[in-house]
C-alpha cells in the first residue's frame, strides 16, 4: 500500500477507540510468506495470513471461519 503497510494498518485498526476494533477480522493477503512474516501478521493482531497467489477457496474459507459461518 502506498501510504501505510498492512502491518501498520492492522496496528492502527486494533488501537482505535471503538467497540469492534479488537474483533473485526483482518486477513493479511501478501507475497510475504516466510514464517517470520506470518508471525508478524499475528503479532500485530491480524487473524489470518494468506500468501499470494491467492486461491479463492482459501479466502472464502477464512472469511467463513472468522465470521462464524464456517
C-alpha atoms as a PDB file:
ATOM      1  CA  UNK A   1       0.000   0.000   0.000  1.00  0.00           C
ATOM      2  CA  UNK A   2       1.415   3.394  -0.881  1.00  0.00           C
ATOM      3  CA  UNK A   3       0.903   5.237   2.424  1.00  0.00           C
ATOM      4  CA  UNK A   4       0.590   2.566   5.093  1.00  0.00           C
ATOM      5  CA  UNK A   5       1.677  -1.073   5.006  1.00  0.00           C
ATOM      6  CA  UNK A   6      -0.636  -3.831   6.173  1.00  0.00           C
ATOM      7  CA  UNK A   7       1.112  -4.380   9.486  1.00  0.00           C
ATOM      8  CA  UNK A   8       0.845  -0.709  10.407  1.00  0.00           C
ATOM      9  CA  UNK A   9      -2.762  -0.594   9.225  1.00  0.00           C
ATOM     10  CA  UNK A  10      -3.645  -3.567  11.432  1.00  0.00           C
ATOM     11  CA  UNK A  11      -1.933  -1.942  14.435  1.00  0.00           C
ATOM     12  CA  UNK A  12      -3.889   1.257  13.880  1.00  0.00           C
ATOM     13  CA  UNK A  13      -7.190  -0.588  13.472  1.00  0.00           C
ATOM     14  CA  UNK A  14      -6.624  -2.538  16.699  1.00  0.00           C
ATOM     15  CA  UNK A  15      -5.783   0.704  18.533  1.00  0.00           C
ATOM     16  CA  UNK A  16      -8.976   2.513  17.507  1.00  0.00           C
ATOM     17  CA  UNK A  17     -11.332   3.636  20.262  1.00  0.00           C
ATOM     18  CA  UNK A  18     -14.423   1.820  19.037  1.00  0.00           C
ATOM     19  CA  UNK A  19     -16.140  -1.356  20.182  1.00  0.00           C
ATOM     20  CA  UNK A  20     -15.307  -3.504  17.158  1.00  0.00           C
ATOM     21  CA  UNK A  21     -11.639  -2.510  16.842  1.00  0.00           C
ATOM     22  CA  UNK A  22     -10.404  -5.581  18.690  1.00  0.00           C
ATOM     23  CA  UNK A  23     -12.712  -8.057  16.969  1.00  0.00           C
ATOM     24  CA  UNK A  24     -13.093  -7.036  13.325  1.00  0.00           C
ATOM     25  CA  UNK A  25     -11.429  -9.748  11.227  1.00  0.00           C
ATOM     26  CA  UNK A  26      -8.197  -8.743   9.489  1.00  0.00           C
ATOM     27  CA  UNK A  27      -6.679 -11.050   6.887  1.00  0.00           C
ATOM     28  CA  UNK A  28      -3.188 -10.471   5.514  1.00  0.00           C
ATOM     29  CA  UNK A  29      -3.048 -11.006   1.750  1.00  0.00           C
ATOM     30  CA  UNK A  30       0.600 -10.777   0.817  1.00  0.00           C
ATOM     31  CA  UNK A  31       3.502 -12.116  -1.178  1.00  0.00           C
ATOM     32  CA  UNK A  32       5.490 -12.321   2.075  1.00  0.00           C
ATOM     33  CA  UNK A  33       5.147 -15.953   3.083  1.00  0.00           C
ATOM     34  CA  UNK A  34       8.084 -16.729   5.365  1.00  0.00           C
ATOM     35  CA  UNK A  35       7.347 -17.921   8.912  1.00  0.00           C
ATOM     36  CA  UNK A  36       8.564 -14.567  10.230  1.00  0.00           C
ATOM     37  CA  UNK A  37       6.041 -12.749   8.007  1.00  0.00           C
ATOM     38  CA  UNK A  38       3.193 -14.938   9.245  1.00  0.00           C
ATOM     39  CA  UNK A  39       4.216 -14.401  12.879  1.00  0.00           C
ATOM     40  CA  UNK A  40       4.454 -10.627  12.352  1.00  0.00           C
ATOM     41  CA  UNK A  41       0.913 -10.619  10.986  1.00  0.00           C
ATOM     42  CA  UNK A  42      -0.419 -12.371  14.074  1.00  0.00           C
ATOM     43  CA  UNK A  43       1.757 -10.231  16.366  1.00  0.00           C
ATOM     44  CA  UNK A  44       0.014  -7.014  15.229  1.00  0.00           C
ATOM     45  CA  UNK A  45      -3.444  -8.541  15.598  1.00  0.00           C
ATOM     46  CA  UNK A  46      -4.291  -9.998  12.213  1.00  0.00           C
ATOM     47  CA  UNK A  47      -6.477 -13.072  12.312  1.00  0.00           C
ATOM     48  CA  UNK A  48      -5.172 -14.886   9.236  1.00  0.00           C
ATOM     49  CA  UNK A  49      -2.321 -14.749   6.745  1.00  0.00           C
ATOM     50  CA  UNK A  50      -2.816 -15.775   3.116  1.00  0.00           C
ATOM     51  CA  UNK A  51       0.134 -15.829   0.742  1.00  0.00           C
ATOM     52  CA  UNK A  52      -0.112 -14.981  -2.931  1.00  0.00           C
ATOM     53  CA  UNK A  53      -1.015 -16.355  -5.353  1.00  0.00           C
ATOM     54  CA  UNK A  54      -4.405 -16.370  -3.700  1.00  0.00           C
ATOM     55  CA  UNK A  55      -6.802 -19.250  -4.055  1.00  0.00           C
ATOM     56  CA  UNK A  56     -10.393 -18.027  -3.896  1.00  0.00           C
ATOM     57  CA  UNK A  57     -11.500 -21.095  -1.934  1.00  0.00           C
ATOM     58  CA  UNK A  58      -8.998 -20.319   0.834  1.00  0.00           C
ATOM     59  CA  UNK A  59     -10.188 -16.715   1.043  1.00  0.00           C
ATOM     60  CA  UNK A  60     -13.786 -17.886   1.358  1.00  0.00           C
ATOM     61  CA  UNK A  61     -12.800 -20.456   3.995  1.00  0.00           C
ATOM     62  CA  UNK A  62     -11.029 -17.839   6.097  1.00  0.00           C
ATOM     63  CA  UNK A  63     -13.897 -15.377   5.837  1.00  0.00           C
ATOM     64  CA  UNK A  64     -16.343 -18.104   6.870  1.00  0.00           C
ATOM     65  CA  UNK A  65     -14.107 -19.178   9.759  1.00  0.00           C
ATOM     66  CA  UNK A  66     -13.633 -15.641  11.028  1.00  0.00           C
ATOM     67  CA  UNK A  67     -17.303 -14.724  10.800  1.00  0.00           C
ATOM     68  CA  UNK A  68     -18.618 -17.928  12.433  1.00  0.00           C
ATOM     69  CA  UNK A  69     -20.096 -19.103   9.161  1.00  0.00           C
ATOM     70  CA  UNK A  70     -17.606 -21.910   8.652  1.00  0.00           C
END
